[in-house]
């Protein structure tokens, strides 16, 4: 008897494959940079590691500041972009937090989220799970209903007009107090139907995952999924990955590249089927005895389930997922089949119903076959 999901996927893929233009159906696997860029641009994608506040482009900051009668300490957009100079996580976070000050109203959060979703849809992202940082907004007096309400309206409108589906992940900011994180969670739980999970981000130094054990337990009891940042080359990196996997039962690890330094942890993550959301632009290199290791390449070679993501594109040269994949393909010597595998990993580990997943995988299969690749 045929597997029900295989039948569904075949039925969905068939009309999609027939709908492809002749030039696409006749394509062969890309062998040069131009063909590879075209292949990556058309690849059906998912994104799980993108901070909405990190998609706040300088142009939108100026527009929101004007709307909210705020002044910015920059002459123009280019001057603001030139100020985005950082050398480590703390120096990046200072710029990132400062940028949020223009976000004050529900409409601001709508514009922020719709702007990202519009850009993602233009790059053939079919589905996204987006982070947001409510503590930073609550401490400025912005009500949680404005934050979640604006993002939720944008998600609905983007699904209707752009065809991109999305969900929302509330992140605890680990460099703020545990009490602050709990206040944010309690404020958000009345809107838990608008959330899919909780995460953990910001400065890891002195803020291990166990600081938020109670928060994760409460969120999980409320029916939310759990993911956690384990940034590369941080204090006690491997210990924090172990805590996240073993003690806190994380379902996903964000970044996590240092795991390749521990065969034991690699084996554990594989046995648990843990996916990793890798962001090559910001955290692509793991330092081992003073030498850089390509994290994405090593994680793929170790057999880990990785996806590629843009992280905070507005502060990283405005490189969104297509540009990130183009760069990663060169830096990590990714084959077309590996690029398909990366997106398969993403769709397979998305927090979505089986039928929705089958539809995405069918589209990925059809696209891979149009390039004469085995999906």
Protein backbone atom coordinates (compact mmCIF):
# COMPACT_ATOMS: atom_id res chain seq x y z
CA UNK A 1 0.00 0.00 0.00
CA UNK A 2 1.30 3.43 -0.91
CA UNK A 3 2.06 5.83 1.89
CA UNK A 4 -0.70 8.43 2.16
CA UNK A 5 1.76 11.32 2.34
CA UNK A 6 3.62 10.14 -0.76
CA UNK A 7 0.33 10.09 -2.67
CA UNK A 8 -0.55 13.60 -1.49
CA UNK A 9 2.87 14.95 -2.38
CA UNK A 10 2.81 13.33 -5.81
CA UNK A 11 -0.62 14.77 -6.51
CA UNK A 12 0.50 18.26 -5.50
CA UNK A 13 3.79 18.07 -7.33
CA UNK A 14 2.37 16.89 -10.65
CA UNK A 15 0.47 20.06 -11.58
CA UNK A 16 3.30 22.20 -10.24
CA UNK A 17 5.82 20.45 -12.46
CA UNK A 18 3.58 20.81 -15.47
CA UNK A 19 3.18 24.50 -14.74
CA UNK A 20 6.92 25.16 -14.94
CA UNK A 21 8.05 27.01 -18.06
CA UNK A 22 9.85 25.00 -20.69
CA UNK A 23 13.25 26.52 -19.97
CA UNK A 24 12.96 25.49 -16.32
CA UNK A 25 11.83 21.94 -17.07
CA UNK A 26 14.73 21.51 -19.47
CA UNK A 27 17.37 22.86 -17.08
CA UNK A 28 20.35 20.82 -16.01
CA UNK A 29 22.06 21.08 -12.61
CA UNK A 30 23.85 24.44 -12.32
CA UNK A 31 27.57 24.32 -13.08
CA UNK A 32 28.56 28.00 -13.08
CA UNK A 33 27.96 31.02 -10.85
CA UNK A 34 25.20 32.50 -13.02
CA UNK A 35 23.22 29.27 -13.17
CA UNK A 36 23.83 28.64 -9.47
CA UNK A 37 22.49 32.08 -8.55
CA UNK A 38 19.41 31.46 -10.70
CA UNK A 39 18.93 28.04 -9.11
CA UNK A 40 19.18 29.49 -5.59
CA UNK A 41 16.83 32.37 -6.42
CA UNK A 42 14.09 30.00 -7.56
CA UNK A 43 14.61 27.42 -4.81
CA UNK A 44 11.52 27.08 -2.56
CA UNK A 45 12.69 28.15 0.89
CA UNK A 46 11.78 28.29 4.56
CA UNK A 47 13.36 30.53 7.20
CA UNK A 48 13.43 29.90 10.96
CA UNK A 49 16.16 32.15 12.30
CA UNK A 50 15.27 35.73 11.53
CA UNK A 51 14.76 38.44 14.15
CA UNK A 52 12.00 40.78 13.04
CA UNK A 53 13.69 43.70 14.77
CA UNK A 54 16.82 42.73 12.85
CA UNK A 55 14.99 43.33 9.55
CA UNK A 56 14.41 47.01 10.42
CA UNK A 57 16.13 48.67 7.49
CA UNK A 58 17.56 52.16 7.87
CA UNK A 59 15.00 53.57 5.43
CA UNK A 60 12.16 52.30 7.58
CA UNK A 61 13.80 53.63 10.74
CA UNK A 62 13.77 57.12 9.28
CA UNK A 63 10.15 56.74 8.15
CA UNK A 64 8.99 55.50 11.55
CA UNK A 65 10.98 58.16 13.39
CA UNK A 66 9.28 60.84 11.32
CA UNK A 67 5.85 59.32 11.93
CA UNK A 68 6.50 59.12 15.68
CA UNK A 69 8.10 62.58 15.95
CA UNK A 70 11.49 61.18 16.95
CA UNK A 71 14.88 62.51 15.98
CA UNK A 72 17.72 60.25 14.90
CA UNK A 73 21.43 61.08 15.36
CA UNK A 74 22.23 60.53 11.67
CA UNK A 75 22.16 62.89 8.71
CA UNK A 76 20.72 60.31 6.35
CA UNK A 77 20.25 56.62 5.60
CA UNK A 78 23.80 56.12 4.39
CA UNK A 79 25.24 57.71 7.52
CA UNK A 80 23.15 55.36 9.65
CA UNK A 81 24.30 52.33 7.70
CA UNK A 82 27.93 53.40 8.09
CA UNK A 83 27.42 53.31 11.85
CA UNK A 84 26.72 49.56 11.79
CA UNK A 85 30.20 48.60 12.95
CA UNK A 86 30.56 45.69 15.38
CA UNK A 87 33.21 43.14 16.23
CA UNK A 88 31.44 40.75 18.57
CA UNK A 89 27.98 39.91 19.91
CA UNK A 90 27.79 42.64 22.60
CA UNK A 91 28.82 45.40 20.18
CA UNK A 92 26.28 44.13 17.66
CA UNK A 93 23.51 43.99 20.24
CA UNK A 94 24.04 47.62 21.22
CA UNK A 95 23.34 48.71 17.65
CA UNK A 96 20.43 46.26 17.41
CA UNK A 97 18.74 47.50 20.61
CA UNK A 98 19.23 51.16 19.71
CA UNK A 99 17.47 50.58 16.42
CA UNK A 100 14.29 49.38 18.11
CA UNK A 101 13.55 52.75 19.68
CA UNK A 102 11.46 53.85 16.69
CA UNK A 103 8.99 50.96 17.16
CA UNK A 104 6.15 52.39 19.24
CA UNK A 105 2.74 51.59 17.78
CA UNK A 106 0.84 48.62 16.43
CA UNK A 107 1.19 50.07 12.94
CA UNK A 108 4.96 50.22 13.37
CA UNK A 109 5.09 46.50 14.11
CA UNK A 110 2.73 45.82 11.22
CA UNK A 111 5.01 47.71 8.83
CA UNK A 112 8.09 45.95 10.21
CA UNK A 113 6.65 42.46 9.82
CA UNK A 114 4.99 43.09 6.46
CA UNK A 115 8.23 44.57 5.14
CA UNK A 116 10.16 41.43 6.04
CA UNK A 117 7.47 39.08 4.72
CA UNK A 118 7.28 40.99 1.46
CA UNK A 119 11.04 40.72 1.00
CA UNK A 120 11.03 37.04 1.95
CA UNK A 121 8.17 36.25 -0.43
CA UNK A 122 10.05 37.96 -3.26
CA UNK A 123 12.90 35.50 -2.61
CA UNK A 124 10.57 32.48 -2.77
CA UNK A 125 10.34 31.92 0.97
CA UNK A 126 7.14 29.92 1.34
CA UNK A 127 7.12 29.77 5.12
CA UNK A 128 8.85 31.61 7.97
CA UNK A 129 9.03 31.33 11.75
CA UNK A 130 10.08 34.75 13.02
CA UNK A 131 11.62 35.80 16.34
CA UNK A 132 10.61 38.93 18.23
CA UNK A 133 11.91 40.47 21.48
CA UNK A 134 8.99 41.75 23.59
CA UNK A 135 11.03 42.63 26.69
CA UNK A 136 12.79 45.43 24.86
CA UNK A 137 9.44 46.91 23.87
CA UNK A 138 7.64 46.38 27.16
CA UNK A 139 10.36 48.20 29.08
CA UNK A 140 9.74 51.22 26.83
CA UNK A 141 6.02 51.13 27.65
CA UNK A 142 4.85 49.57 24.40
CA UNK A 143 1.93 47.23 25.23
CA UNK A 144 2.25 43.57 24.23
CA UNK A 145 -1.06 43.73 22.36
CA UNK A 146 0.40 46.39 20.06
CA UNK A 147 3.48 44.28 19.35
CA UNK A 148 1.72 40.97 18.74
CA UNK A 149 -1.32 42.64 17.20
CA UNK A 150 0.64 44.48 14.53
CA UNK A 151 2.74 41.45 13.63
CA UNK A 152 -0.32 39.19 13.51
CA UNK A 153 -2.19 41.53 11.14
CA UNK A 154 0.87 41.67 8.89
CA UNK A 155 1.12 37.89 8.86
CA UNK A 156 -2.51 37.55 7.82
CA UNK A 157 -2.23 40.18 5.09
CA UNK A 158 1.02 38.72 3.76
CA UNK A 159 -0.55 35.26 3.60
CA UNK A 160 -3.50 36.66 1.67
CA UNK A 161 -1.70 38.98 -0.72
CA UNK A 162 1.77 37.43 -1.03
CA UNK A 163 1.11 33.75 -0.38
CA UNK A 164 3.72 33.46 2.37
CA UNK A 165 2.75 31.64 5.56
CA UNK A 166 4.41 32.47 8.85
CA UNK A 167 4.41 31.96 12.61
CA UNK A 168 5.84 33.86 15.55
CA UNK A 169 8.39 32.90 18.23
CA UNK A 170 8.72 34.95 21.43
CA UNK A 171 12.36 35.24 22.48
CA UNK A 172 13.59 35.72 26.03
CA UNK A 173 16.47 38.19 26.15
CA UNK A 174 19.02 36.35 28.22
CA UNK A 175 21.00 39.46 29.22
CA UNK A 176 17.93 40.90 30.96
CA UNK A 177 16.61 39.49 34.22
CA UNK A 178 14.74 36.22 34.53
CA UNK A 179 11.91 38.20 36.16
CA UNK A 180 11.69 40.45 33.10
CA UNK A 181 11.46 37.40 30.85
CA UNK A 182 8.68 35.91 32.98
CA UNK A 183 6.76 39.18 32.86
CA UNK A 184 6.98 39.15 29.08
CA UNK A 185 5.84 35.52 28.91
CA UNK A 186 2.90 36.17 31.24
CA UNK A 187 1.91 39.21 29.20
CA UNK A 188 2.03 37.20 25.98
CA UNK A 189 0.29 34.00 27.12
CA UNK A 190 -3.23 35.46 26.63
CA UNK A 191 -2.20 35.68 22.96
CA UNK A 192 -0.61 32.23 22.80
CA UNK A 193 -2.79 31.30 19.83
CA UNK A 194 -0.75 33.90 17.90
CA UNK A 195 2.55 32.21 18.89
CA UNK A 196 4.12 28.92 17.89
CA UNK A 197 7.02 28.83 20.34
CA UNK A 198 9.51 30.55 22.60
CA UNK A 199 13.22 31.06 22.12
CA UNK A 200 16.31 32.46 23.82
CA UNK A 201 18.60 35.12 22.36
CA UNK A 202 20.96 38.03 23.18
CA UNK A 203 24.27 37.94 25.10
CA UNK A 204 25.11 34.43 26.28
CA UNK A 205 28.01 35.38 28.56
CA UNK A 206 26.95 34.78 32.15
CA UNK A 207 23.44 33.86 31.01
CA UNK A 208 23.31 30.07 30.55
CA UNK A 209 20.13 28.36 29.33
CA UNK A 210 19.21 27.05 32.81
CA UNK A 211 18.54 30.64 33.88
CA UNK A 212 15.27 30.26 31.97
CA UNK A 213 14.31 26.68 32.87
CA UNK A 214 11.11 27.80 34.59
CA UNK A 215 10.14 29.91 31.60
CA UNK A 216 10.59 27.08 29.12
CA UNK A 217 8.60 24.70 31.33
CA UNK A 218 5.75 27.19 31.58
CA UNK A 219 5.74 27.83 27.84
CA UNK A 220 5.81 24.13 27.06
CA UNK A 221 2.91 23.53 29.44
CA UNK A 222 1.00 26.19 27.50
CA UNK A 223 1.51 24.20 24.31
CA UNK A 224 4.37 26.19 22.82
CA UNK A 225 7.49 24.79 21.16
CA UNK A 226 10.96 25.54 22.54
CA UNK A 227 14.14 26.63 20.76
CA UNK A 228 17.32 28.22 22.09
CA UNK A 229 20.25 30.24 20.76
CA UNK A 230 23.64 28.70 21.41
CA UNK A 231 25.89 31.27 19.76
CA UNK A 232 29.27 30.28 18.41
CA UNK A 233 32.52 30.67 20.35
CA UNK A 234 30.82 31.71 23.57
CA UNK A 235 31.64 31.07 27.22
CA UNK A 236 31.02 27.37 28.00
CA UNK A 237 29.50 26.86 24.55
CA UNK A 238 29.49 23.07 24.62
CA UNK A 239 28.13 22.98 28.15
CA UNK A 240 25.28 25.26 27.15
CA UNK A 241 24.46 23.08 24.13
CA UNK A 242 24.40 20.04 26.40
CA UNK A 243 22.10 21.80 28.89
CA UNK A 244 19.76 22.88 26.12
CA UNK A 245 19.54 19.36 24.71
CA UNK A 246 19.57 17.22 27.85
CA UNK A 247 18.15 19.28 30.69
CA UNK A 248 15.84 21.74 28.95
CA UNK A 249 14.77 19.44 26.09
CA UNK A 250 15.14 22.05 23.36
CA UNK A 251 13.43 21.02 20.13
CA UNK A 252 15.74 23.16 18.02
CA UNK A 253 19.11 24.88 18.42
CA UNK A 254 19.76 28.28 16.86
CA UNK A 255 23.37 28.62 15.64
CA UNK A 256 25.10 25.85 17.67
CA UNK A 257 28.10 25.52 15.36
CA UNK A 258 30.53 24.59 18.13
CA UNK A 259 28.79 21.23 18.43
CA UNK A 260 31.15 19.93 15.73
CA UNK A 261 33.91 20.05 18.36
CA UNK A 262 32.15 17.32 20.36
CA UNK A 263 31.48 13.99 18.63
CA UNK A 264 29.43 12.98 21.68
CA UNK A 265 27.09 15.95 21.33
CA UNK A 266 26.84 15.47 17.57
CA UNK A 267 25.75 11.87 18.14
CA UNK A 268 23.25 13.00 20.78
CA UNK A 269 21.74 15.68 18.53
CA UNK A 270 21.44 13.20 15.67
CA UNK A 271 19.79 10.61 17.87
CA UNK A 272 17.26 13.22 19.01
CA UNK A 273 16.68 14.53 15.48
CA UNK A 274 17.51 18.09 16.58
CA UNK A 275 17.56 20.70 13.79
CA UNK A 276 20.02 23.60 13.75
CA UNK A 277 19.28 27.03 12.29
CA UNK A 278 22.63 28.18 10.94
CA UNK A 279 23.31 31.83 10.02
CA UNK A 280 26.56 31.87 8.02
CA UNK A 281 26.72 35.67 7.70
CA UNK A 282 27.18 36.29 11.44
CA UNK A 283 28.22 32.98 12.94
CA UNK A 284 29.69 30.95 10.13
CA UNK A 285 33.11 30.34 11.69
CA UNK A 286 33.87 28.20 14.72
CA UNK A 287 37.27 28.80 16.31
CA UNK A 288 39.19 25.63 17.12
CA UNK A 289 42.69 26.03 18.58
CA UNK A 290 42.80 29.51 17.10
CA UNK A 291 41.85 28.32 13.62
CA UNK A 292 38.50 29.04 11.93
CA UNK A 293 36.29 26.12 10.92
CA UNK A 294 33.43 26.50 8.44
CA UNK A 295 30.51 25.64 10.71
CA UNK A 296 27.94 24.94 7.99
CA UNK A 297 30.27 22.64 6.05
CA UNK A 298 31.30 20.71 9.15
CA UNK A 299 27.71 20.38 10.40
CA UNK A 300 26.50 19.07 7.05
CA UNK A 301 29.40 16.62 6.84
CA UNK A 302 28.57 15.42 10.36
CA UNK A 303 25.04 14.57 9.22
CA UNK A 304 23.26 17.20 11.32
CA UNK A 305 19.93 18.65 10.21
CA UNK A 306 20.77 22.22 9.29
CA UNK A 307 18.89 25.02 7.63
CA UNK A 308 20.38 28.30 6.41
CA UNK A 309 18.93 31.60 7.61
CA UNK A 310 19.50 35.36 7.46
CA UNK A 311 19.48 36.27 11.20
CA UNK A 312 19.49 40.12 11.27
CA UNK A 313 19.76 41.09 7.61
CA UNK A 314 19.21 44.85 8.02
CA UNK A 315 22.45 45.00 10.04
CA UNK A 316 24.33 42.51 7.88
CA UNK A 317 24.59 44.25 4.55
CA UNK A 318 20.88 43.74 3.78
CA UNK A 319 21.63 40.16 2.79
CA UNK A 320 18.37 38.23 2.98
CA UNK A 321 18.07 34.50 2.53
CA UNK A 322 18.83 34.31 -1.19
CA UNK A 323 21.98 36.39 -0.81
CA UNK A 324 22.97 34.39 2.26
CA UNK A 325 22.57 31.12 0.36
CA UNK A 326 24.56 32.43 -2.61
CA UNK A 327 27.42 33.40 -0.30
CA UNK A 328 27.16 30.16 1.72
CA UNK A 329 27.22 28.09 -1.46
CA UNK A 330 30.61 29.52 -2.33
CA UNK A 331 32.07 29.62 1.17
CA UNK A 332 30.95 26.10 2.06
CA UNK A 333 31.23 24.53 -1.41
CA UNK A 334 27.58 23.48 -1.37
CA UNK A 335 26.37 21.30 -4.23
CA UNK A 336 22.91 21.80 -5.75
CA UNK A 337 21.81 18.58 -4.07
CA UNK A 338 23.02 19.88 -0.71
CA UNK A 339 21.09 23.12 -1.21
CA UNK A 340 17.96 21.07 -1.83
CA UNK A 341 18.79 19.00 1.25
CA UNK A 342 19.09 22.15 3.36
CA UNK A 343 15.61 23.30 2.32
CA UNK A 344 14.25 19.79 2.82
CA UNK A 345 15.64 19.89 6.36
CA UNK A 346 13.84 23.20 6.89
CA UNK A 347 10.44 22.07 5.67
CA UNK A 348 10.72 18.73 7.46
CA UNK A 349 11.45 20.40 10.81
CA UNK A 350 8.95 23.28 10.57
CA UNK A 351 6.33 23.50 13.31
CA UNK A 352 3.40 23.00 10.94
CA UNK A 353 0.70 20.40 10.22
CA UNK A 354 1.65 17.39 8.09
CA UNK A 355 -0.54 18.43 5.17
CA UNK A 356 1.12 21.84 4.96
CA UNK A 357 4.54 20.23 5.12
CA UNK A 358 3.62 17.81 2.33
CA UNK A 359 2.64 20.71 0.11
CA UNK A 360 5.96 22.48 0.60
CA UNK A 361 7.97 19.30 0.07
CA UNK A 362 6.04 18.61 -3.12
CA UNK A 363 6.98 22.03 -4.46
CA UNK A 364 10.61 21.43 -3.50
CA UNK A 365 10.57 18.03 -5.20
CA UNK A 366 9.09 19.51 -8.38
CA UNK A 367 11.68 22.27 -8.44
CA UNK A 368 14.58 19.87 -7.91
CA UNK A 369 13.29 17.61 -10.67
CA UNK A 370 13.00 20.61 -13.02
CA UNK A 371 16.78 20.98 -12.66
CA UNK A 372 17.32 17.26 -13.17
CA UNK A 373 18.17 16.76 -9.51
CA UNK A 374 17.04 13.96 -7.24
CA UNK A 375 15.08 15.67 -4.47
